[in-house]
Amino acid sequence: MSEQIQNTRPRLFVDADACPVKAECERVAERHRIEMILVSNGGIRPSRNPLIRIVIVPPEPDAADDWIAENARARDVIVTNDIPLASRGLEIGARVLKANGQEFTEANIGNALAGREIAAHMREVTGEQGRNAAFTQKDRSKFSSALEVLVQAVLRG
């Protein structure tokens, strides 16, 4: 594949720390022969799959988010539950998907950012930590379907 053609193909960036859908991402990347980049501050096993690149960043807050935001480009796909990273990804023209299969868009990112601020304020006021629902097989299936549709749409242009 020529370098120019390769540079126009979308890549799949995964905010890999605590990401529950890495295996699903790998299956979609393999099916469409797109590069998958796992970004983490450690604890990721090397892969023999030549489509997968692992990037280890320093264990500083937001280091993985910063690396993804600085290296992703328009038409790439970012998988993250981090709302500020999602916003940064949308600003550069990337498509952004949460692990539950919900796509972040220009239409919903403002509400997501506002909800994040409200939740942080409530934790500060009450001292209570929020609880995340268990991640089910249904969630995995929904994510896989959403990622497949999203990657197909990006590949079609």
Protein backbone atom coordinates (compact mmCIF):
# COMPACT_ATOMS: atom_id res chain seq x y z
CA MET A 1 0.00 0.00 0.00
CA SER A 2 1.52 3.35 -0.97
CA GLU A 3 2.24 5.83 1.83
CA GLN A 4 -0.20 8.38 0.37
CA ILE A 5 -3.05 5.87 0.25
CA GLN A 6 -2.14 4.58 3.71
CA ASN A 7 -2.26 8.14 5.10
CA THR A 8 -5.82 8.58 3.85
CA ARG A 9 -7.11 5.42 5.52
CA PRO A 10 -8.78 5.97 8.85
CA ARG A 11 -7.11 4.65 11.96
CA LEU A 12 -8.76 3.37 15.11
CA PHE A 13 -7.46 4.99 18.30
CA VAL A 14 -8.38 3.30 21.57
CA ASP A 15 -8.07 5.06 24.91
CA ALA A 16 -6.97 1.72 26.31
CA ASP A 17 -6.73 2.29 30.06
CA ALA A 18 -9.78 0.52 31.51
CA CYS A 19 -11.33 0.07 28.04
CA PRO A 20 -13.64 -2.95 28.16
CA VAL A 21 -13.95 -3.36 24.36
CA LYS A 22 -10.38 -3.77 23.11
CA ALA A 23 -11.09 -7.23 21.67
CA GLU A 24 -14.15 -5.93 19.81
CA CYS A 25 -12.06 -3.07 18.41
CA GLU A 26 -9.42 -5.51 17.21
CA ARG A 27 -11.99 -7.63 15.37
CA VAL A 28 -13.36 -4.59 13.50
CA ALA A 29 -9.86 -3.30 12.70
CA GLU A 30 -8.86 -6.73 11.38
CA ARG A 31 -12.02 -7.07 9.29
CA HIS A 32 -11.42 -3.71 7.60
CA ARG A 33 -7.60 -3.88 7.59
CA ILE A 34 -7.20 -0.57 9.43
CA GLU A 35 -4.49 0.31 11.91
CA MET A 36 -5.52 0.14 15.55
CA ILE A 37 -3.55 2.18 18.06
CA LEU A 38 -3.92 1.30 21.73
CA VAL A 39 -2.79 4.19 23.92
CA SER A 40 -2.16 3.49 27.59
CA ASN A 41 0.12 4.30 30.48
CA GLY A 42 1.02 0.62 30.77
CA GLY A 43 -0.38 -2.83 31.39
CA ILE A 44 -1.18 -3.64 27.75
CA ARG A 45 0.09 -6.94 26.40
CA PRO A 46 1.96 -6.80 23.10
CA SER A 47 0.04 -8.07 20.10
CA ARG A 48 1.31 -10.19 17.25
CA ASN A 49 -1.24 -8.58 14.97
CA PRO A 50 0.66 -6.26 12.59
CA LEU A 51 -2.34 -3.90 12.45
CA ILE A 52 -2.08 -3.15 16.17
CA ARG A 53 0.33 -0.59 17.55
CA ILE A 54 0.71 -0.05 21.27
CA VAL A 55 1.73 3.36 22.55
CA ILE A 56 2.78 3.65 26.18
CA VAL A 57 2.61 7.17 27.59
CA PRO A 58 3.90 8.49 30.93
CA PRO A 59 1.64 7.78 33.93
CA GLU A 60 0.52 11.40 34.13
CA PRO A 61 -3.11 12.55 34.18
CA ASP A 62 -4.48 12.87 30.65
CA ALA A 63 -1.23 11.72 28.98
CA ALA A 64 -3.08 9.13 26.87
CA ASP A 65 -5.80 11.64 26.00
CA ASP A 66 -3.21 14.24 25.00
CA TRP A 67 -1.33 11.75 22.82
CA ILE A 68 -4.50 10.70 21.01
CA ALA A 69 -5.66 14.31 20.50
CA GLU A 70 -2.24 15.27 19.12
CA ASN A 71 -1.97 12.31 16.73
CA ALA A 72 -5.51 11.68 15.51
CA ARG A 73 -6.78 13.42 12.40
CA ALA A 74 -10.02 13.92 10.54
CA ARG A 75 -11.68 10.62 9.55
CA ASP A 76 -9.98 8.65 12.31
CA VAL A 77 -12.14 6.85 14.86
CA ILE A 78 -11.52 7.30 18.59
CA VAL A 79 -12.93 4.93 21.19
CA THR A 80 -13.11 6.56 24.61
CA ASN A 81 -15.41 7.21 27.53
CA ASP A 82 -13.49 10.41 28.31
CA ILE A 83 -15.77 13.33 27.46
CA PRO A 84 -13.06 16.02 27.16
CA LEU A 85 -11.08 13.75 24.81
CA ALA A 86 -14.25 13.16 22.80
CA SER A 87 -14.68 16.92 22.46
CA ARG A 88 -11.08 17.33 21.30
CA GLY A 89 -11.53 14.52 18.80
CA LEU A 90 -14.64 16.11 17.34
CA GLU A 91 -12.77 19.42 16.97
CA ILE A 92 -10.26 17.77 14.61
CA GLY A 93 -12.94 15.97 12.61
CA ALA A 94 -12.55 12.49 14.08
CA ARG A 95 -15.51 10.25 14.85
CA VAL A 96 -15.80 9.32 18.53
CA LEU A 97 -17.53 6.33 20.09
CA LYS A 98 -18.08 5.39 23.74
CA ALA A 99 -17.60 1.81 24.91
CA ASN A 100 -21.39 1.50 25.22
CA GLY A 101 -21.82 2.19 21.49
CA GLN A 102 -23.03 5.78 21.81
CA GLU A 103 -21.43 8.13 19.31
CA PHE A 104 -20.33 11.55 20.50
CA THR A 105 -21.38 14.20 17.99
CA GLU A 106 -21.41 17.98 17.72
CA ALA A 107 -25.10 17.75 18.67
CA ASN A 108 -24.57 15.93 21.98
CA ILE A 109 -21.06 16.83 23.18
CA GLY A 110 -22.19 20.05 24.88
CA ASN A 111 -24.71 18.20 27.02
CA ALA A 112 -22.14 15.52 27.81
CA LEU A 113 -19.61 18.13 28.96
CA ALA A 114 -22.25 19.90 31.06
CA GLY A 115 -23.38 16.62 32.62
CA ARG A 116 -19.78 15.80 33.49
CA GLU A 117 -19.41 19.13 35.28
CA ILE A 118 -22.66 18.63 37.20
CA ALA A 119 -21.61 15.12 38.25
CA ALA A 120 -18.21 16.41 39.42
CA HIS A 121 -19.92 19.16 41.41
CA MET A 122 -22.32 16.69 43.01
CA ARG A 123 -19.43 14.40 44.02
CA GLU A 124 -17.69 17.39 45.55
CA VAL A 125 -20.78 18.52 47.46
CA THR A 126 -21.98 15.12 48.64
CA GLY A 127 -18.68 13.26 48.88
CA GLU A 128 -20.32 10.28 47.18
CA GLN A 129 -18.76 8.54 44.23
CA GLY A 130 -20.95 7.52 41.32
CA ARG A 131 -21.43 3.88 40.48
CA ASN A 132 -21.01 2.46 37.01
CA ALA A 133 -23.42 -0.19 35.86
CA ALA A 134 -21.95 -3.61 35.05
CA PHE A 135 -20.77 -3.97 31.46
CA THR A 136 -22.84 -6.74 29.88
CA GLN A 137 -22.66 -8.91 26.77
CA LYS A 138 -25.52 -6.80 25.39
CA ASP A 139 -23.31 -3.70 25.82
CA ARG A 140 -20.48 -5.44 23.93
CA SER A 141 -22.82 -6.39 21.12
CA LYS A 142 -24.20 -2.85 20.86
CA PHE A 143 -20.67 -1.44 20.78
CA SER A 144 -19.51 -3.91 18.11
CA SER A 145 -22.44 -3.07 15.87
CA ALA A 146 -21.99 0.68 16.34
CA LEU A 147 -18.24 0.50 15.65
CA GLU A 148 -18.82 -1.60 12.53
CA VAL A 149 -21.36 0.90 11.16
CA LEU A 150 -19.12 3.85 12.02
CA VAL A 151 -16.01 2.38 10.40
CA GLN A 152 -17.96 1.47 7.26
CA ALA A 153 -19.29 5.03 7.05
CA VAL A 154 -15.80 6.52 7.45
CA LEU A 155 -14.35 4.17 4.81
CA ARG A 156 -17.09 5.18 2.36
CA GLY A 157 -16.13 8.80 2.95
